[in-house]
Each structure stands twice: as C-alpha cells, then as structure tokens.
C-alpha cells in the first residue's frame, strides 16, 4: 500500500501547494511538493517499505528542518495532510517572525 501519492494530491488541493514532482525508485517513491507562498518551502513525501516519511525543507538549509515518520498501520491520508498543513503554517509563521526581527535589528544598528 502506497499512500504518498494520496497525501500529495490532498496537499495540492487543500494546502496551497504550487507544484508537485514525482520520483520513483526500486522500493518506493518521492513526491516533492512546493509551496511558493511559504518561504519557498517544500515537503518531500517518501514512501519506503511500510513507512511514509514527511521531510520539511526550505531553500536556505542544506538538510531538512524536520522529518516525521509514519507507519502504515491505521494511517489516514487526510490526517497526515492536516498535520502537514498545520506544521507548514507554524514553520512559516516562525520564519516570518525571524525575518521581521532581523529587519528590525538591521534598522536599529548605527551606520
């Protein structure tokens, strides 16, 4: 049972995703979902074995900010989608606050 595609489809419909790209490999697949409104955030859904991994990426980091592992037992694609959307919102708000704080600090510094 592969559910990454179902979750990717739900994210495209409900979470303001801008694009999706699929890669296949021998024992699974990877869906890269981009969210252009959210600090160029991407969520990579990786189906591997009996597990699904959600990796949260932004373009200024070389590694994921966070990785969540889901085991297929009693897994619901809609619940995963809701959780990912909420985490994207939280991460985006945090990044926006950091950006505002950096801008204020730069404005206060004497030249």
Protein backbone atom coordinates (compact mmCIF):
# COMPACT_ATOMS: atom_id res chain seq x y z
CA UNK A 1 0.00 0.00 0.00
CA UNK A 2 1.49 3.34 -1.12
CA UNK A 3 -0.11 6.49 0.25
CA UNK A 4 2.39 9.23 -0.60
CA UNK A 5 0.53 9.95 -3.84
CA UNK A 6 -2.78 10.31 -1.99
CA UNK A 7 -1.26 12.68 0.56
CA UNK A 8 0.45 14.68 -2.22
CA UNK A 9 -2.88 15.02 -4.03
CA UNK A 10 -4.62 16.21 -0.86
CA UNK A 11 -1.84 18.74 -0.18
CA UNK A 12 -2.19 20.12 -3.71
CA UNK A 13 -5.93 20.59 -3.18
CA UNK A 14 -6.10 21.82 0.41
CA UNK A 15 -2.81 23.39 1.44
CA UNK A 16 -1.98 25.96 -1.28
CA UNK A 17 0.76 23.87 -2.86
CA UNK A 18 2.10 25.30 -6.11
CA UNK A 19 3.63 22.21 -7.75
CA UNK A 20 4.48 18.56 -7.28
CA UNK A 21 7.19 16.36 -8.78
CA UNK A 22 7.40 12.57 -8.50
CA UNK A 23 10.50 10.38 -8.48
CA UNK A 24 10.35 6.60 -8.46
CA UNK A 25 12.95 4.23 -7.11
CA UNK A 26 13.13 0.46 -6.65
CA UNK A 27 11.35 0.15 -3.30
CA UNK A 28 9.32 3.36 -3.16
CA UNK A 29 8.75 6.86 -4.42
CA UNK A 30 9.31 10.51 -3.51
CA UNK A 31 6.88 13.36 -4.06
CA UNK A 32 8.32 16.87 -3.80
CA UNK A 33 5.55 19.34 -3.09
CA UNK A 34 6.41 23.05 -3.34
CA UNK A 35 4.67 25.89 -1.53
CA UNK A 36 5.70 29.15 -3.20
CA UNK A 37 3.88 31.39 -0.70
CA UNK A 38 5.73 29.90 2.27
CA UNK A 39 9.42 30.87 2.19
CA UNK A 40 9.94 28.52 -0.77
CA UNK A 41 9.09 25.61 1.49
CA UNK A 42 8.97 22.07 0.18
CA UNK A 43 7.60 18.91 1.70
CA UNK A 44 9.08 15.65 0.43
CA UNK A 45 6.88 12.60 0.95
CA UNK A 46 8.92 9.41 0.77
CA UNK A 47 7.24 6.00 0.56
CA UNK A 48 9.75 3.36 1.58
CA UNK A 49 8.88 -0.13 2.70
CA UNK A 50 5.93 0.05 5.09
CA UNK A 51 6.65 3.64 6.09
CA UNK A 52 5.97 7.16 4.92
CA UNK A 53 8.38 9.98 5.70
CA UNK A 54 7.48 13.68 5.51
CA UNK A 55 10.58 15.88 5.16
CA UNK A 56 10.22 19.65 5.59
CA UNK A 57 12.70 21.71 3.55
CA UNK A 58 13.39 25.41 2.95
CA UNK A 59 15.83 26.67 0.35
CA UNK A 60 18.25 28.24 2.86
CA UNK A 61 19.06 24.93 4.61
CA UNK A 62 21.06 22.02 3.22
CA UNK A 63 19.18 19.48 5.33
CA UNK A 64 15.50 19.09 6.22
CA UNK A 65 14.19 21.19 9.10
CA UNK A 66 12.24 18.19 10.31
CA UNK A 67 11.42 14.61 9.34
CA UNK A 68 8.29 12.82 10.52
CA UNK A 69 7.92 9.07 10.13
CA UNK A 70 4.51 7.45 9.73
CA UNK A 71 3.96 3.68 9.96
CA UNK A 72 1.24 2.30 7.66
CA UNK A 73 -0.79 0.72 10.47
CA UNK A 74 -4.13 2.54 10.59
CA UNK A 75 -2.73 5.53 8.71
CA UNK A 76 -5.20 8.06 7.20
CA UNK A 77 -4.01 10.26 4.32
CA UNK A 78 -6.39 13.06 5.35
CA UNK A 79 -4.97 13.16 8.89
CA UNK A 80 -1.42 13.30 7.56
CA UNK A 81 -2.40 16.10 5.19
CA UNK A 82 -4.00 18.13 8.01
CA UNK A 83 -0.91 17.66 10.19
CA UNK A 84 1.47 18.69 7.40
CA UNK A 85 -0.61 21.79 6.54
CA UNK A 86 -0.61 22.87 10.18
CA UNK A 87 3.15 22.33 10.50
CA UNK A 88 3.76 24.35 7.33
CA UNK A 89 1.70 27.19 8.81
CA UNK A 90 3.64 27.08 12.10
CA UNK A 91 7.04 26.93 10.39
CA UNK A 92 6.10 29.75 8.02
CA UNK A 93 4.93 32.00 10.88
CA UNK A 94 8.16 31.32 12.75
CA UNK A 95 10.29 32.14 9.71
CA UNK A 96 8.33 35.34 9.09
CA UNK A 97 8.85 36.44 12.72
CA UNK A 98 12.59 35.71 12.42
CA UNK A 99 12.72 37.79 9.24
CA UNK A 100 10.88 40.70 10.89
CA UNK A 101 13.21 40.54 13.90
CA UNK A 102 16.29 40.55 11.62
CA UNK A 103 14.92 43.54 9.70
CA UNK A 104 14.28 45.48 12.93
CA UNK A 105 17.79 44.70 14.21
CA UNK A 106 19.35 45.92 10.97
CA UNK A 107 17.30 49.13 11.07
CA UNK A 108 18.42 49.91 14.65
CA UNK A 109 22.16 49.40 14.07
CA UNK A 110 24.11 52.63 13.52
CA UNK A 111 25.99 53.02 10.27
